[in-house]
Amino acid sequence: MATVLAEKVSTGESSDGKSGTWGGSRAFALLLVMTGAAGVLAAWVITLDKFTLLEDPNFIPGCSLNPVVSCGNIMKSEQASVFGFPNPMLGLVAYGGVVCVGMGLLAGARHRRWFWLGLNAGTLFGVGFCTWLQYQSLYNINSLCLWCCLAWVATIVMFCYVTAHNIEHRILPAPAGFRAALGEFHWAPPVLWIGVIGMLVLTRWWDFWTS
């Protein structure tokens, strides 16, 4: 299957993973590097603004553009420090780790099943946490943060393609028909997912956008 997900990067890798290790295509590795870097950028900017806000309660972040797109409202909320410290500090570590994985794949790294399952579990946690934050932003905090939106998109794309990679290489079990369809239309899940979030944002503040 000649898709972005089906390319093998090392000699000796069989389609069913009999070698016990799996690599990834160059495109997949670059995707991990780019989405991880986008997440690091978003987390870094939010962290700096959060520290500035702690020093100066009157500070207005540059991404606070109007009552809806207001990063300051997000940073001041309880949801912004779920684990007792600013959420983006967790992102700095997690997204940085993804960049390292992508760079390793570009260098020809191959990993065992437990590694790929662990990466999938980590991205699942990340996308679940982002989904909770999306709900909080839309329906409880009633504000959006552009940098948060960048992190959401990066995490969704990351999760979808890590999962697709694992299904393609049979690290995760799936019917052959589903595996073939996913290989052909690997772009569909993240596009539809992000599209749904866009529609929710649009309808949530429809009156504001159209006024």
C-alpha atoms as a PDB file:
ATOM      1  CA  MET A   1       0.000   0.000   0.000  1.00  0.00           C
ATOM      2  CA  ALA A   2       1.839   3.018  -1.278  1.00  0.00           C
ATOM      3  CA  THR A   3       0.654   5.675   1.138  1.00  0.00           C
ATOM      4  CA  VAL A   4       2.346   8.064   3.530  1.00  0.00           C
ATOM      5  CA  LEU A   5       1.763   5.487   6.256  1.00  0.00           C
ATOM      6  CA  ALA A   6       2.906   2.393   4.409  1.00  0.00           C
ATOM      7  CA  GLU A   7       6.518   3.245   3.605  1.00  0.00           C
ATOM      8  CA  LYS A   8       9.142   1.140   5.398  1.00  0.00           C
ATOM      9  CA  VAL A   9      12.259   2.919   6.543  1.00  0.00           C
ATOM     10  CA  SER A  10      14.680   0.128   7.371  1.00  0.00           C
ATOM     11  CA  THR A  11      15.855  -3.070   5.764  1.00  0.00           C
ATOM     12  CA  GLY A  12      14.533  -6.314   7.156  1.00  0.00           C
ATOM     13  CA  GLU A  13      11.127  -5.035   8.263  1.00  0.00           C
ATOM     14  CA  SER A  14       8.344  -7.367   7.206  1.00  0.00           C
ATOM     15  CA  SER A  15       4.759  -6.265   6.725  1.00  0.00           C
ATOM     16  CA  ASP A  16       3.589  -8.302   9.712  1.00  0.00           C
ATOM     17  CA  GLY A  17       6.326  -7.070  12.041  1.00  0.00           C
ATOM     18  CA  LYS A  18       8.101 -10.430  12.389  1.00  0.00           C
ATOM     19  CA  SER A  19      11.333  -8.580  13.049  1.00  0.00           C
ATOM     20  CA  GLY A  20       9.811  -7.428  16.324  1.00  0.00           C
ATOM     21  CA  THR A  21      10.490  -3.763  15.634  1.00  0.00           C
ATOM     22  CA  TRP A  22       8.831  -1.147  13.478  1.00  0.00           C
ATOM     23  CA  GLY A  23      10.050   2.101  11.990  1.00  0.00           C
ATOM     24  CA  GLY A  24       8.065   4.739  10.161  1.00  0.00           C
ATOM     25  CA  SER A  25       8.007   6.568   6.867  1.00  0.00           C
ATOM     26  CA  ARG A  26       9.867   9.833   6.392  1.00  0.00           C
ATOM     27  CA  ALA A  27       6.536  11.604   5.948  1.00  0.00           C
ATOM     28  CA  PHE A  28       5.225  10.159   9.207  1.00  0.00           C
ATOM     29  CA  ALA A  29       8.405  11.145  11.036  1.00  0.00           C
ATOM     30  CA  LEU A  30       8.192  14.696   9.682  1.00  0.00           C
ATOM     31  CA  LEU A  31       4.553  14.877  10.732  1.00  0.00           C
ATOM     32  CA  LEU A  32       5.525  13.970  14.311  1.00  0.00           C
ATOM     33  CA  VAL A  33       8.289  16.579  14.282  1.00  0.00           C
ATOM     34  CA  MET A  34       5.986  19.299  12.934  1.00  0.00           C
ATOM     35  CA  THR A  35       3.012  18.594  15.187  1.00  0.00           C
ATOM     36  CA  GLY A  36       5.307  18.219  18.186  1.00  0.00           C
ATOM     37  CA  ALA A  37       7.054  21.498  17.344  1.00  0.00           C
ATOM     38  CA  ALA A  38       3.679  23.248  16.951  1.00  0.00           C
ATOM     39  CA  GLY A  39       2.678  21.963  20.372  1.00  0.00           C
ATOM     40  CA  VAL A  40       5.958  23.081  21.933  1.00  0.00           C
ATOM     41  CA  LEU A  41       5.549  26.545  20.408  1.00  0.00           C
ATOM     42  CA  ALA A  42       2.002  26.892  21.720  1.00  0.00           C
ATOM     43  CA  ALA A  43       2.933  25.597  25.173  1.00  0.00           C
ATOM     44  CA  TRP A  44       6.004  27.853  25.344  1.00  0.00           C
ATOM     45  CA  VAL A  45       4.108  31.025  24.467  1.00  0.00           C
ATOM     46  CA  ILE A  46       1.273  30.224  26.881  1.00  0.00           C
ATOM     47  CA  THR A  47       3.760  29.423  29.668  1.00  0.00           C
ATOM     48  CA  LEU A  48       5.585  32.735  29.220  1.00  0.00           C
ATOM     49  CA  ASP A  49       2.308  34.666  29.188  1.00  0.00           C
ATOM     50  CA  LYS A  50       1.105  32.775  32.251  1.00  0.00           C
ATOM     51  CA  PHE A  51       4.219  33.707  34.224  1.00  0.00           C
ATOM     52  CA  THR A  52       3.872  37.324  33.113  1.00  0.00           C
ATOM     53  CA  LEU A  53       0.227  37.267  34.185  1.00  0.00           C
ATOM     54  CA  LEU A  54       1.205  35.965  37.623  1.00  0.00           C
ATOM     55  CA  GLU A  55       3.611  38.878  37.994  1.00  0.00           C
ATOM     56  CA  ASP A  56       1.181  41.448  36.626  1.00  0.00           C
ATOM     57  CA  PRO A  57      -2.544  40.644  37.021  1.00  0.00           C
ATOM     58  CA  ASN A  58      -3.350  43.472  34.599  1.00  0.00           C
ATOM     59  CA  PHE A  59      -1.265  41.953  31.799  1.00  0.00           C
ATOM     60  CA  ILE A  60      -3.209  41.323  28.582  1.00  0.00           C
ATOM     61  CA  PRO A  61      -1.718  38.576  26.373  1.00  0.00           C
ATOM     62  CA  GLY A  62      -1.189  39.458  22.737  1.00  0.00           C
ATOM     63  CA  CYS A  63      -3.667  36.783  21.633  1.00  0.00           C
ATOM     64  CA  SER A  64      -6.524  38.389  23.609  1.00  0.00           C
ATOM     65  CA  LEU A  65      -8.250  39.996  20.631  1.00  0.00           C
ATOM     66  CA  ASN A  66     -11.865  40.338  21.770  1.00  0.00           C
ATOM     67  CA  PRO A  67     -14.315  38.962  24.371  1.00  0.00           C
ATOM     68  CA  VAL A  68     -14.383  35.565  22.640  1.00  0.00           C
ATOM     69  CA  VAL A  69     -10.761  35.141  21.546  1.00  0.00           C
ATOM     70  CA  SER A  70      -9.307  35.924  24.956  1.00  0.00           C
ATOM     71  CA  CYS A  71      -6.268  33.957  26.103  1.00  0.00           C
ATOM     72  CA  GLY A  72      -6.240  35.888  29.369  1.00  0.00           C
ATOM     73  CA  ASN A  73      -9.618  34.456  30.395  1.00  0.00           C
ATOM     74  CA  ILE A  74      -8.333  30.954  29.712  1.00  0.00           C
ATOM     75  CA  MET A  75      -5.122  31.472  31.688  1.00  0.00           C
ATOM     76  CA  LYS A  76      -6.997  32.825  34.699  1.00  0.00           C
ATOM     77  CA  SER A  77      -9.400  29.883  34.844  1.00  0.00           C
ATOM     78  CA  GLU A  78      -9.139  26.946  37.243  1.00  0.00           C
ATOM     79  CA  GLN A  79      -9.063  24.587  34.270  1.00  0.00           C
ATOM     80  CA  ALA A  80      -5.719  26.082  33.206  1.00  0.00           C
ATOM     81  CA  SER A  81      -3.949  24.389  36.133  1.00  0.00           C
ATOM     82  CA  VAL A  82      -5.681  21.033  36.483  1.00  0.00           C
ATOM     83  CA  PHE A  83      -2.666  19.237  37.954  1.00  0.00           C
ATOM     84  CA  GLY A  84      -1.597  22.026  40.289  1.00  0.00           C
ATOM     85  CA  PHE A  85       0.680  23.741  37.759  1.00  0.00           C
ATOM     86  CA  PRO A  86       0.007  25.455  34.412  1.00  0.00           C
ATOM     87  CA  ASN A  87      -1.170  22.941  31.814  1.00  0.00           C
ATOM     88  CA  PRO A  88       1.285  24.120  29.119  1.00  0.00           C
ATOM     89  CA  MET A  89       4.218  23.028  31.290  1.00  0.00           C
ATOM     90  CA  LEU A  90       3.001  19.463  30.768  1.00  0.00           C
ATOM     91  CA  GLY A  91       2.782  20.203  27.060  1.00  0.00           C
ATOM     92  CA  LEU A  92       6.391  21.360  26.928  1.00  0.00           C
ATOM     93  CA  VAL A  93       7.514  17.918  28.071  1.00  0.00           C
ATOM     94  CA  ALA A  94       4.988  15.842  26.107  1.00  0.00           C
ATOM     95  CA  TYR A  95       5.281  17.654  22.785  1.00  0.00           C
ATOM     96  CA  GLY A  96       9.059  17.798  23.146  1.00  0.00           C
ATOM     97  CA  GLY A  97       9.065  14.028  23.530  1.00  0.00           C
ATOM     98  CA  VAL A  98       7.098  13.650  20.302  1.00  0.00           C
ATOM     99  CA  VAL A  99       9.653  15.800  18.463  1.00  0.00           C
ATOM    100  CA  CYS A 100      12.381  13.478  19.752  1.00  0.00           C
ATOM    101  CA  VAL A 101      10.483  10.410  18.506  1.00  0.00           C
ATOM    102  CA  GLY A 102      10.075  11.977  15.078  1.00  0.00           C
ATOM    103  CA  MET A 103      13.743  12.908  14.865  1.00  0.00           C
ATOM    104  CA  GLY A 104      14.694   9.401  15.868  1.00  0.00           C
ATOM    105  CA  LEU A 105      12.547   7.936  13.085  1.00  0.00           C
ATOM    106  CA  LEU A 106      14.193  10.280  10.586  1.00  0.00           C
ATOM    107  CA  ALA A 107      17.521   8.856  11.719  1.00  0.00           C
ATOM    108  CA  GLY A 108      16.270   5.307  11.114  1.00  0.00           C
ATOM    109  CA  ALA A 109      15.138   4.332  14.611  1.00  0.00           C
ATOM    110  CA  ARG A 110      12.931   1.256  15.023  1.00  0.00           C
ATOM    111  CA  HIS A 111      10.887   0.490  18.105  1.00  0.00           C
ATOM    112  CA  ARG A 112       9.189  -2.509  19.654  1.00  0.00           C
ATOM    113  CA  ARG A 113       5.445  -2.979  20.047  1.00  0.00           C
ATOM    114  CA  TRP A 114       5.365  -1.698  23.630  1.00  0.00           C
ATOM    115  CA  PHE A 115       6.930   1.588  22.531  1.00  0.00           C
ATOM    116  CA  TRP A 116       4.354   2.191  19.800  1.00  0.00           C
ATOM    117  CA  LEU A 117       1.505   1.213  22.108  1.00  0.00           C
ATOM    118  CA  GLY A 118       2.893   3.574  24.743  1.00  0.00           C
ATOM    119  CA  LEU A 119       3.078   6.405  22.212  1.00  0.00           C
ATOM    120  CA  ASN A 120      -0.483   5.665  21.163  1.00  0.00           C
ATOM    121  CA  ALA A 121      -1.618   5.692  24.790  1.00  0.00           C
ATOM    122  CA  GLY A 122       0.157   8.999  25.375  1.00  0.00           C
ATOM    123  CA  THR A 123      -1.448  10.634  22.356  1.00  0.00           C
ATOM    124  CA  LEU A 124      -4.813   9.195  23.425  1.00  0.00           C
ATOM    125  CA  PHE A 125      -4.430  10.852  26.818  1.00  0.00           C
ATOM    126  CA  GLY A 126      -3.395  14.072  25.094  1.00  0.00           C
ATOM    127  CA  VAL A 127      -6.355  14.137  22.729  1.00  0.00           C
ATOM    128  CA  GLY A 128      -8.726  13.235  25.564  1.00  0.00           C
ATOM    129  CA  PHE A 129      -7.357  16.054  27.706  1.00  0.00           C
ATOM    130  CA  CYS A 130      -7.634  18.468  24.779  1.00  0.00           C
ATOM    131  CA  THR A 131     -11.248  17.404  24.219  1.00  0.00           C
ATOM    132  CA  TRP A 132     -12.049  18.160  27.863  1.00  0.00           C
ATOM    133  CA  LEU A 133     -10.347  21.549  27.553  1.00  0.00           C
ATOM    134  CA  GLN A 134     -12.317  22.279  24.381  1.00  0.00           C
ATOM    135  CA  TYR A 135     -15.568  21.634  26.220  1.00  0.00           C
ATOM    136  CA  GLN A 136     -14.461  23.809  29.116  1.00  0.00           C
ATOM    137  CA  SER A 137     -13.439  26.630  26.778  1.00  0.00           C
ATOM    138  CA  LEU A 138     -16.661  26.598  24.777  1.00  0.00           C
ATOM    139  CA  TYR A 139     -19.249  26.033  27.482  1.00  0.00           C
ATOM    140  CA  ASN A 140     -17.769  26.977  30.868  1.00  0.00           C
ATOM    141  CA  ILE A 141     -14.979  29.550  30.390  1.00  0.00           C
ATOM    142  CA  ASN A 142     -16.729  30.973  27.306  1.00  0.00           C
ATOM    143  CA  SER A 143     -13.473  32.025  25.634  1.00  0.00           C
ATOM    144  CA  LEU A 144     -10.983  30.727  23.113  1.00  0.00           C
ATOM    145  CA  CYS A 145      -7.195  30.809  23.109  1.00  0.00           C
ATOM    146  CA  LEU A 146      -5.569  30.769  19.674  1.00  0.00           C
ATOM    147  CA  TRP A 147      -2.433  29.073  20.959  1.00  0.00           C
ATOM    148  CA  CYS A 148      -4.593  26.443  22.651  1.00  0.00           C
ATOM    149  CA  CYS A 149      -6.367  25.890  19.331  1.00  0.00           C
ATOM    150  CA  LEU A 150      -2.991  25.282  17.680  1.00  0.00           C
ATOM    151  CA  ALA A 151      -2.154  22.695  20.342  1.00  0.00           C
ATOM    152  CA  TRP A 152      -5.561  21.040  19.880  1.00  0.00           C
ATOM    153  CA  VAL A 153      -5.078  20.682  16.133  1.00  0.00           C
ATOM    154  CA  ALA A 154      -1.521  19.382  16.535  1.00  0.00           C
ATOM    155  CA  THR A 155      -2.640  16.789  19.099  1.00  0.00           C
ATOM    156  CA  ILE A 156      -5.562  15.578  16.993  1.00  0.00           C
ATOM    157  CA  VAL A 157      -3.395  15.132  13.905  1.00  0.00           C
ATOM    158  CA  MET A 158      -0.700  13.460  15.988  1.00  0.00           C
ATOM    159  CA  PHE A 159      -3.117  10.989  17.593  1.00  0.00           C
ATOM    160  CA  CYS A 160      -4.847  10.116  14.315  1.00  0.00           C
ATOM    161  CA  TYR A 161      -1.616   9.378  12.486  1.00  0.00           C
ATOM    162  CA  VAL A 162       0.031   7.456  15.324  1.00  0.00           C
ATOM    163  CA  THR A 163      -3.090   5.297  15.525  1.00  0.00           C
ATOM    164  CA  ALA A 164      -3.160   4.882  11.732  1.00  0.00           C
ATOM    165  CA  HIS A 165       0.529   3.922  11.765  1.00  0.00           C
ATOM    166  CA  ASN A 166      -0.092   1.268  14.407  1.00  0.00           C
ATOM    167  CA  ILE A 167      -3.087  -0.119  12.540  1.00  0.00           C
ATOM    168  CA  GLU A 168      -1.192  -0.129   9.244  1.00  0.00           C
ATOM    169  CA  HIS A 169       1.671  -2.112  10.803  1.00  0.00           C
ATOM    170  CA  ARG A 170      -0.746  -4.395  12.679  1.00  0.00           C
ATOM    171  CA  ILE A 171       0.511  -3.261  16.040  1.00  0.00           C
ATOM    172  CA  LEU A 172      -3.159  -2.555  16.760  1.00  0.00           C
ATOM    173  CA  PRO A 173      -5.561  -5.239  15.476  1.00  0.00           C
ATOM    174  CA  ALA A 174      -8.068  -4.208  12.828  1.00  0.00           C
ATOM    175  CA  PRO A 175      -9.980  -5.921   9.998  1.00  0.00           C
ATOM    176  CA  ALA A 176      -8.157  -5.957   6.675  1.00  0.00           C
ATOM    177  CA  GLY A 177     -10.872  -3.895   4.992  1.00  0.00           C
ATOM    178  CA  PHE A 178     -10.699  -1.191   7.636  1.00  0.00           C
ATOM    179  CA  ARG A 179      -6.894  -1.186   7.456  1.00  0.00           C
ATOM    180  CA  ALA A 180      -7.014  -0.764   3.676  1.00  0.00           C
ATOM    181  CA  ALA A 181      -9.611   2.021   3.862  1.00  0.00           C
ATOM    182  CA  LEU A 182      -7.605   3.852   6.510  1.00  0.00           C
ATOM    183  CA  GLY A 183      -4.477   3.601   4.408  1.00  0.00           C
ATOM    184  CA  GLU A 184      -6.305   5.141   1.463  1.00  0.00           C
ATOM    185  CA  PHE A 185      -8.184   7.832   3.371  1.00  0.00           C
ATOM    186  CA  HIS A 186      -5.797   8.484   6.264  1.00  0.00           C
ATOM    187  CA  TRP A 187      -6.497  12.217   5.978  1.00  0.00           C
ATOM    188  CA  ALA A 188     -10.233  11.848   6.635  1.00  0.00           C
ATOM    189  CA  PRO A 189     -10.326  11.308  10.442  1.00  0.00           C
ATOM    190  CA  PRO A 190      -8.290  14.408  11.406  1.00  0.00           C
ATOM    191  CA  VAL A 191     -10.023  16.591   8.794  1.00  0.00           C
ATOM    192  CA  LEU A 192     -13.502  15.539   9.947  1.00  0.00           C
ATOM    193  CA  TRP A 193     -12.546  15.817  13.619  1.00  0.00           C
ATOM    194  CA  ILE A 194     -11.134  19.324  13.274  1.00  0.00           C
ATOM    195  CA  GLY A 195     -14.086  20.276  11.078  1.00  0.00           C
ATOM    196  CA  VAL A 196     -16.548  19.254  13.802  1.00  0.00           C
ATOM    197  CA  ILE A 197     -14.679  21.373  16.353  1.00  0.00           C
ATOM    198  CA  GLY A 198     -14.722  24.294  13.929  1.00  0.00           C
ATOM    199  CA  MET A 199     -18.485  23.948  13.521  1.00  0.00           C
ATOM    200  CA  LEU A 200     -18.955  23.826  17.305  1.00  0.00           C
ATOM    201  CA  VAL A 201     -16.935  27.025  17.689  1.00  0.00           C
ATOM    202  CA  LEU A 202     -18.884  28.677  14.884  1.00  0.00           C
ATOM    203  CA  THR A 203     -22.292  27.771  16.280  1.00  0.00           C
ATOM    204  CA  ARG A 204     -21.321  28.497  19.892  1.00  0.00           C
ATOM    205  CA  TRP A 205     -20.608  32.163  19.075  1.00  0.00           C
ATOM    206  CA  TRP A 206     -22.697  32.530  15.923  1.00  0.00           C
ATOM    207  CA  ASP A 207     -24.262  35.793  17.068  1.00  0.00           C
ATOM    208  CA  PHE A 208     -20.841  37.261  17.868  1.00  0.00           C
ATOM    209  CA  TRP A 209     -19.289  36.217  14.537  1.00  0.00           C
ATOM    210  CA  THR A 210     -22.214  37.552  12.500  1.00  0.00           C
ATOM    211  CA  SER A 211     -22.840  40.777  14.400  1.00  0.00           C
END
